[in-house]
Amino acid sequence: MIHVTSESLTEMFTDFGKLGISAEKVAENAACQVQEYLASTAAAGEHLTDQLLLPLALAGSGSFTALKLNLHARTNMEVISRFLPVHFRSHNADRHVKVNIQTC
């Protein structure tokens, strides 16, 4: 586990060992995730993104920058939109994805 702390948030990166994978490879995988995040201009990492969607949807609006939108985040957007009157918009920028949430 690697924690990256800034003034406004803490990101945590984790990789798990598997049979046949060395501890060094596990550490390397986690370090690569950290390097990708630090090279971006995103506030939220890939795995924090899906967790931010529901609170902002309940608030009715908001935006944030994310490292990327994985399938889990996109699925959460779809499910949330079916239960709450919100619309998600995202667009790719140079080194992040901007996610906007608005009421319909």
C-alpha atoms as a PDB file:
ATOM      1  CA  MET A   1       0.000   0.000   0.000  1.00  0.00           C
ATOM      2  CA  ILE A   2       1.247   3.433  -0.925  1.00  0.00           C
ATOM      3  CA  HIS A   3      -0.342   6.630   0.399  1.00  0.00           C
ATOM      4  CA  VAL A   4       0.060   9.883  -1.523  1.00  0.00           C
ATOM      5  CA  THR A   5      -1.037  12.866   0.539  1.00  0.00           C
ATOM      6  CA  SER A   6      -1.605  16.389  -0.715  1.00  0.00           C
ATOM      7  CA  GLU A   7      -3.150  19.476   0.839  1.00  0.00           C
ATOM      8  CA  SER A   8      -6.707  18.485  -0.109  1.00  0.00           C
ATOM      9  CA  LEU A   9      -6.814  14.675  -0.286  1.00  0.00           C
ATOM     10  CA  THR A  10      -5.077  11.384   0.246  1.00  0.00           C
ATOM     11  CA  GLU A  11      -4.902   8.756  -2.487  1.00  0.00           C
ATOM     12  CA  MET A  12      -4.078   5.178  -1.663  1.00  0.00           C
ATOM     13  CA  PHE A  13      -2.613   2.703  -4.129  1.00  0.00           C
ATOM     14  CA  THR A  14      -2.629  -1.028  -3.529  1.00  0.00           C
ATOM     15  CA  ASP A  15      -1.436  -4.099  -5.334  1.00  0.00           C
ATOM     16  CA  PHE A  16      -1.841  -7.620  -4.024  1.00  0.00           C
ATOM     17  CA  GLY A  17       0.522 -10.528  -4.219  1.00  0.00           C
ATOM     18  CA  LYS A  18      -0.357 -13.729  -6.012  1.00  0.00           C
ATOM     19  CA  LEU A  19       1.213 -17.132  -6.070  1.00  0.00           C
ATOM     20  CA  GLY A  20       4.195 -17.003  -8.397  1.00  0.00           C
ATOM     21  CA  ILE A  21       4.534 -13.198  -8.377  1.00  0.00           C
ATOM     22  CA  SER A  22       7.488 -11.789  -6.489  1.00  0.00           C
ATOM     23  CA  ALA A  23       7.115  -9.110  -3.815  1.00  0.00           C
ATOM     24  CA  GLU A  24       9.281  -6.882  -5.986  1.00  0.00           C
ATOM     25  CA  LYS A  25       6.823  -7.178  -8.890  1.00  0.00           C
ATOM     26  CA  VAL A  26       3.898  -6.363  -6.581  1.00  0.00           C
ATOM     27  CA  ALA A  27       5.733  -3.252  -5.350  1.00  0.00           C
ATOM     28  CA  GLU A  28       6.611  -2.294  -8.921  1.00  0.00           C
ATOM     29  CA  ASN A  29       2.946  -2.527  -9.976  1.00  0.00           C
ATOM     30  CA  ALA A  30       1.861  -0.272  -7.101  1.00  0.00           C
ATOM     31  CA  ALA A  31       4.665   2.188  -7.863  1.00  0.00           C
ATOM     32  CA  CYS A  32       3.571   2.344 -11.527  1.00  0.00           C
ATOM     33  CA  GLN A  33       0.052   3.292 -10.408  1.00  0.00           C
ATOM     34  CA  VAL A  34       1.500   6.086  -8.264  1.00  0.00           C
ATOM     35  CA  GLN A  35       3.687   7.358 -11.095  1.00  0.00           C
ATOM     36  CA  GLU A  36       0.710   7.464 -13.474  1.00  0.00           C
ATOM     37  CA  TYR A  37      -1.341   9.418 -10.929  1.00  0.00           C
ATOM     38  CA  LEU A  38       1.461  11.881 -10.110  1.00  0.00           C
ATOM     39  CA  ALA A  39       2.129  12.510 -13.819  1.00  0.00           C
ATOM     40  CA  SER A  40      -1.518  13.469 -14.321  1.00  0.00           C
ATOM     41  CA  THR A  41      -3.311  16.671 -13.344  1.00  0.00           C
ATOM     42  CA  ALA A  42      -6.172  14.707 -11.762  1.00  0.00           C
ATOM     43  CA  ALA A  43      -7.392  15.202  -8.219  1.00  0.00           C
ATOM     44  CA  ALA A  44      -8.893  11.706  -7.972  1.00  0.00           C
ATOM     45  CA  GLY A  45      -7.247   8.455  -8.898  1.00  0.00           C
ATOM     46  CA  GLU A  46      -8.927   5.732 -10.899  1.00  0.00           C
ATOM     47  CA  HIS A  47     -10.373   3.903  -7.885  1.00  0.00           C
ATOM     48  CA  LEU A  48     -11.530   6.983  -5.956  1.00  0.00           C
ATOM     49  CA  THR A  49     -13.526   8.269  -8.922  1.00  0.00           C
ATOM     50  CA  ASP A  50     -16.453   5.874  -8.575  1.00  0.00           C
ATOM     51  CA  GLN A  51     -16.722   6.714  -4.854  1.00  0.00           C
ATOM     52  CA  LEU A  52     -17.142  10.443  -5.523  1.00  0.00           C
ATOM     53  CA  LEU A  53     -20.046  10.041  -7.937  1.00  0.00           C
ATOM     54  CA  LEU A  54     -22.864   9.277  -5.492  1.00  0.00           C
ATOM     55  CA  PRO A  55     -22.162  12.087  -2.965  1.00  0.00           C
ATOM     56  CA  LEU A  56     -22.012  14.647  -5.775  1.00  0.00           C
ATOM     57  CA  ALA A  57     -25.151  13.208  -7.370  1.00  0.00           C
ATOM     58  CA  LEU A  58     -26.975  13.471  -4.029  1.00  0.00           C
ATOM     59  CA  ALA A  59     -25.790  17.077  -3.768  1.00  0.00           C
ATOM     60  CA  GLY A  60     -27.259  17.690  -7.231  1.00  0.00           C
ATOM     61  CA  SER A  61     -24.146  19.139  -8.817  1.00  0.00           C
ATOM     62  CA  GLY A  62     -20.399  19.232  -8.719  1.00  0.00           C
ATOM     63  CA  SER A  63     -17.304  18.412 -10.688  1.00  0.00           C
ATOM     64  CA  PHE A  64     -13.879  16.929 -10.230  1.00  0.00           C
ATOM     65  CA  THR A  65     -10.917  15.750 -12.237  1.00  0.00           C
ATOM     66  CA  ALA A  66     -10.071  12.068 -12.420  1.00  0.00           C
ATOM     67  CA  LEU A  67      -7.169  10.045 -13.676  1.00  0.00           C
ATOM     68  CA  LYS A  68      -9.489   7.956 -15.859  1.00  0.00           C
ATOM     69  CA  LEU A  69     -13.003   6.563 -15.963  1.00  0.00           C
ATOM     70  CA  ASN A  70     -12.836   2.804 -15.662  1.00  0.00           C
ATOM     71  CA  LEU A  71     -15.744   0.457 -16.340  1.00  0.00           C
ATOM     72  CA  HIS A  72     -16.757   0.504 -12.675  1.00  0.00           C
ATOM     73  CA  ALA A  73     -17.108   4.318 -12.667  1.00  0.00           C
ATOM     74  CA  ARG A  74     -19.074   4.287 -15.931  1.00  0.00           C
ATOM     75  CA  THR A  75     -21.407   1.607 -14.555  1.00  0.00           C
ATOM     76  CA  ASN A  76     -21.930   3.655 -11.377  1.00  0.00           C
ATOM     77  CA  MET A  77     -22.838   6.679 -13.502  1.00  0.00           C
ATOM     78  CA  GLU A  78     -25.428   4.628 -15.357  1.00  0.00           C
ATOM     79  CA  VAL A  79     -26.955   3.175 -12.185  1.00  0.00           C
ATOM     80  CA  ILE A  80     -27.021   6.481 -10.319  1.00  0.00           C
ATOM     81  CA  SER A  81     -28.713   8.177 -13.294  1.00  0.00           C
ATOM     82  CA  ARG A  82     -31.509   5.591 -13.159  1.00  0.00           C
ATOM     83  CA  PHE A  83     -32.314   6.428  -9.532  1.00  0.00           C
ATOM     84  CA  LEU A  84     -31.558  10.146  -9.275  1.00  0.00           C
ATOM     85  CA  PRO A  85     -32.410  13.023 -11.631  1.00  0.00           C
ATOM     86  CA  VAL A  86     -28.792  13.740 -12.513  1.00  0.00           C
ATOM     87  CA  HIS A  87     -26.749  13.737 -15.668  1.00  0.00           C
ATOM     88  CA  PHE A  88     -23.031  12.989 -15.843  1.00  0.00           C
ATOM     89  CA  ARG A  89     -20.782  14.539 -18.445  1.00  0.00           C
ATOM     90  CA  SER A  90     -17.134  13.779 -18.877  1.00  0.00           C
ATOM     91  CA  HIS A  91     -14.504  14.991 -21.265  1.00  0.00           C
ATOM     92  CA  ASN A  92     -10.856  14.150 -21.666  1.00  0.00           C
ATOM     93  CA  ALA A  93      -8.313  16.846 -21.067  1.00  0.00           C
ATOM     94  CA  ASP A  94      -4.557  16.660 -21.516  1.00  0.00           C
ATOM     95  CA  ARG A  95      -3.701  14.648 -18.393  1.00  0.00           C
ATOM     96  CA  HIS A  96      -7.059  13.988 -16.727  1.00  0.00           C
ATOM     97  CA  VAL A  97     -10.781  13.500 -17.260  1.00  0.00           C
ATOM     98  CA  LYS A  98     -13.186  16.217 -16.103  1.00  0.00           C
ATOM     99  CA  VAL A  99     -16.420  14.842 -14.614  1.00  0.00           C
ATOM    100  CA  ASN A 100     -19.442  17.133 -14.218  1.00  0.00           C
ATOM    101  CA  ILE A 101     -22.674  16.269 -12.438  1.00  0.00           C
ATOM    102  CA  GLN A 102     -25.861  18.284 -12.975  1.00  0.00           C
ATOM    103  CA  THR A 103     -29.520  17.823 -12.165  1.00  0.00           C
ATOM    104  CA  CYS A 104     -31.772  17.030 -15.111  1.00  0.00           C
END
